[in-house]
Structure formats: C-alpha cells, structure tokens
C-alpha cells in the first residue's frame, strides 16, 4: 500500500502476533476486531508470511477497512479500521 507507515494514532489498538503461525494471526485478529468500537483502528504486527493473504481477506470478509499494509523482511504490519 503506502511506502511509509502511517503514524500511530491515539486510541489505536496494537496486536503483536510475532512468532504465531497460520491460522493464529487471522484468528486473533478476527477476535480483536469483534471487540473494537466502530471507528477504532487495529494495528497488527506479525511474522507469518501467510498473513499477507489472510489479513486482507479477513478485512474484506468482516467489512473492516484495510488502511495500511507494510511488508518488510520478516515483519508484516497491517492497520485495519472497524
């Protein structure tokens, strides 16, 4: 998506899922999204390469907006908004 990560916003919820393997990042992200108030952002950090497919698919499936996606060697970061 963007070349530069979006700056963190006040009220963002951060979910550190580094080290978890598929399907756990998607499952934890889904659970966290259901607990968020509408309009709240969820920033997910993970290392599972499958998350690059799973998290955007989850956003589409749940109606969450995928606002940002950062792909770096060994680290993926997503910003979703409920």
Protein backbone atom coordinates (compact mmCIF):
# COMPACT_ATOMS: atom_id res chain seq x y z
CA UNK A 1 0.00 0.00 0.00
CA UNK A 2 1.89 3.11 1.14
CA UNK A 3 5.68 3.26 1.09
CA UNK A 4 5.84 4.85 4.52
CA UNK A 5 3.96 3.54 7.57
CA UNK A 6 1.08 5.64 8.76
CA UNK A 7 1.88 7.30 12.08
CA UNK A 8 0.21 5.73 15.12
CA UNK A 9 -2.96 7.45 16.18
CA UNK A 10 -4.22 7.95 19.68
CA UNK A 11 -6.66 5.21 20.52
CA UNK A 12 -5.19 2.63 18.13
CA UNK A 13 -5.24 -0.91 19.49
CA UNK A 14 -1.98 -2.79 18.89
CA UNK A 15 -1.84 -6.55 18.46
CA UNK A 16 1.63 -8.13 18.49
CA UNK A 17 1.36 -11.56 16.89
CA UNK A 18 5.03 -12.09 16.06
CA UNK A 19 6.02 -15.74 16.14
CA UNK A 20 2.50 -17.12 15.65
CA UNK A 21 1.84 -19.30 12.60
CA UNK A 22 -1.21 -19.66 10.37
CA UNK A 23 -4.08 -19.66 11.23
CA UNK A 24 -3.45 -17.99 14.60
CA UNK A 25 -2.73 -14.42 13.36
CA UNK A 26 -6.03 -14.34 11.45
CA UNK A 27 -7.97 -15.86 14.35
CA UNK A 28 -6.55 -13.40 16.90
CA UNK A 29 -7.16 -10.50 14.51
CA UNK A 30 -10.79 -11.55 13.95
CA UNK A 31 -11.37 -11.81 17.71
CA UNK A 32 -9.78 -8.39 18.32
CA UNK A 33 -11.88 -6.77 15.57
CA UNK A 34 -15.11 -8.01 17.13
CA UNK A 35 -14.18 -6.33 20.41
CA UNK A 36 -13.37 -2.93 18.89
CA UNK A 37 -15.73 0.00 18.93
CA UNK A 38 -16.71 1.18 15.43
CA UNK A 39 -14.14 3.62 14.06
CA UNK A 40 -11.28 2.22 16.15
CA UNK A 41 -8.06 1.19 14.39
CA UNK A 42 -6.32 -2.12 14.98
CA UNK A 43 -2.60 -2.31 14.19
CA UNK A 44 -1.45 -5.90 13.73
CA UNK A 45 2.24 -6.84 13.69
CA UNK A 46 3.15 -10.39 12.71
CA UNK A 47 5.82 -12.56 11.13
CA UNK A 48 3.72 -15.26 9.45
CA UNK A 49 4.13 -14.94 5.65
CA UNK A 50 0.58 -16.24 5.09
CA UNK A 51 -0.80 -13.18 6.89
CA UNK A 52 -0.13 -11.13 3.76
CA UNK A 53 -3.04 -13.08 2.24
CA UNK A 54 -5.09 -13.90 5.34
CA UNK A 55 -5.37 -10.46 6.98
CA UNK A 56 -6.58 -8.56 3.85
CA UNK A 57 -9.04 -11.40 3.17
CA UNK A 58 -10.27 -11.19 6.76
CA UNK A 59 -10.73 -7.42 6.42
CA UNK A 60 -12.82 -7.89 3.29
CA UNK A 61 -14.83 -10.69 4.89
CA UNK A 62 -15.62 -8.71 8.06
CA UNK A 63 -16.14 -5.32 6.43
CA UNK A 64 -13.13 -3.78 8.16
CA UNK A 65 -11.13 -1.22 6.19
CA UNK A 66 -7.53 -2.16 5.44
CA UNK A 67 -5.94 1.27 5.73
CA UNK A 68 -2.27 0.33 5.52
CA UNK A 69 -0.08 -2.68 4.86
CA UNK A 70 3.69 -2.70 5.40
CA UNK A 71 5.78 -5.61 4.21
CA UNK A 72 9.37 -5.75 5.40
CA UNK A 73 11.72 -8.73 5.51
CA UNK A 74 10.43 -10.89 8.35
CA UNK A 75 7.82 -8.38 9.55
CA UNK A 76 4.29 -7.54 8.41
CA UNK A 77 2.21 -4.68 9.78
CA UNK A 78 -1.45 -4.02 8.99
CA UNK A 79 -3.75 -1.18 10.05
CA UNK A 80 -7.43 -2.10 9.96
CA UNK A 81 -10.36 0.05 11.00
CA UNK A 82 -13.64 -1.39 12.18
